[in-house]
Amino acid sequence: MSIRNLALATAAVAVLGLAGCGQTKSDRALSGAGIGAATGAAGGALLGGSAVGGALLGGAAGAAAGYLSDPDDVNLGRPLWRR
C-alpha cells in the first residue's frame, strides 16, 4: 500500500468516525465539517498537495458524513459548544 493510499484511508476513517459528534443533524454536520477540514488540510500538506484544497474536500466530506449519519450510528456525546 502506498503512502498516499494509506493517508487517504486514514483521512476517510477519521472523517467518518469522528463526524458523529452531536445529537441534531446541524450539530453533526458542523462538527464533521470542522474535523474533516482539519484532517483534509493535514493530509493535503503531508502529501505535498494543496492544504486549502484538502481542507475544502475534507470539510465537505465531513459535513456530508455528519449530516447523513444518525446519533445511534456513532455517538461521541454532546458537542463542546452545547455543554
Protein backbone atom coordinates (compact mmCIF):
# COMPACT_ATOMS: atom_id res chain seq x y z
CA MET A 1 0.00 0.00 0.00
CA SER A 2 1.44 3.35 -0.99
CA ILE A 3 1.78 6.24 1.43
CA ARG A 4 -0.88 8.18 -0.47
CA ASN A 5 -3.43 5.37 -0.21
CA LEU A 6 -2.64 4.95 3.46
CA ALA A 7 -3.12 8.67 4.09
CA LEU A 8 -6.40 8.71 2.17
CA ALA A 9 -7.69 5.68 4.06
CA THR A 10 -6.71 7.26 7.39
CA ALA A 11 -8.44 10.51 6.45
CA ALA A 12 -11.59 8.66 5.39
CA VAL A 13 -11.74 6.74 8.66
CA ALA A 14 -11.17 9.91 10.67
CA VAL A 15 -13.85 11.85 8.82
CA LEU A 16 -16.45 9.11 9.02
CA GLY A 17 -15.61 8.05 12.56
CA LEU A 18 -15.43 11.49 14.11
CA ALA A 19 -18.33 13.06 12.27
CA GLY A 20 -20.64 11.64 14.91
CA CYS A 21 -20.50 14.49 17.43
CA GLY A 22 -23.81 15.99 18.47
CA GLN A 23 -27.44 14.98 18.51
CA THR A 24 -29.00 17.12 15.77
CA LYS A 25 -28.19 16.94 12.07
CA SER A 26 -26.84 20.51 12.11
CA ASP A 27 -24.54 19.77 15.09
CA ARG A 28 -23.24 16.65 13.41
CA ALA A 29 -22.71 18.40 10.07
CA LEU A 30 -20.89 21.30 11.73
CA SER A 31 -18.56 19.14 13.80
CA GLY A 32 -17.99 16.81 10.85
CA ALA A 33 -17.07 19.75 8.63
CA GLY A 34 -14.53 21.03 11.18
CA ILE A 35 -12.93 17.66 11.73
CA GLY A 36 -12.94 16.89 8.01
CA ALA A 37 -11.38 20.24 7.13
CA ALA A 38 -8.59 19.76 9.67
CA THR A 39 -7.93 16.21 8.51
CA GLY A 40 -8.05 17.23 4.84
CA ALA A 41 -5.69 20.16 5.35
CA ALA A 42 -3.20 17.96 7.20
CA GLY A 43 -3.47 15.25 4.55
CA GLY A 44 -3.01 17.73 1.73
CA ALA A 45 0.03 19.26 3.37
CA LEU A 46 1.62 15.89 4.19
CA LEU A 47 1.10 14.56 0.69
CA GLY A 48 2.61 17.62 -0.96
CA GLY A 49 -0.71 18.84 -2.33
CA SER A 50 -2.76 21.87 -1.51
CA ALA A 51 -3.73 22.22 2.14
CA VAL A 52 -6.60 24.52 1.14
CA GLY A 53 -7.92 22.04 -1.41
CA GLY A 54 -7.64 19.24 1.14
CA ALA A 55 -9.49 21.33 3.71
CA LEU A 56 -12.30 22.09 1.28
CA LEU A 57 -12.73 18.47 0.24
CA GLY A 58 -12.37 17.17 3.79
CA GLY A 59 -14.82 19.73 5.13
CA ALA A 60 -17.41 18.81 2.51
CA ALA A 61 -16.97 15.09 3.13
CA GLY A 62 -17.12 15.55 6.91
CA ALA A 63 -20.24 17.71 6.72
CA ALA A 64 -21.94 15.15 4.50
CA ALA A 65 -20.95 12.26 6.77
CA GLY A 66 -22.17 14.12 9.84
CA TYR A 67 -25.46 15.10 8.24
CA LEU A 68 -26.18 11.67 6.82
CA SER A 69 -25.29 9.65 9.93
CA ASP A 70 -27.62 9.06 12.86
CA PRO A 71 -26.77 9.60 16.54
CA ASP A 72 -27.28 5.85 17.03
CA ASP A 73 -24.56 5.06 14.46
CA VAL A 74 -21.74 6.94 16.18
CA ASN A 75 -22.33 8.90 19.36
CA LEU A 76 -19.44 10.72 20.99
CA GLY A 77 -21.66 12.79 23.28
CA ARG A 78 -22.73 16.41 23.20
CA PRO A 79 -20.51 18.78 21.22
CA LEU A 80 -18.36 21.23 23.18
CA TRP A 81 -20.40 24.26 22.10
CA ARG A 82 -23.59 22.72 23.60
CA ARG A 83 -22.19 22.00 27.08
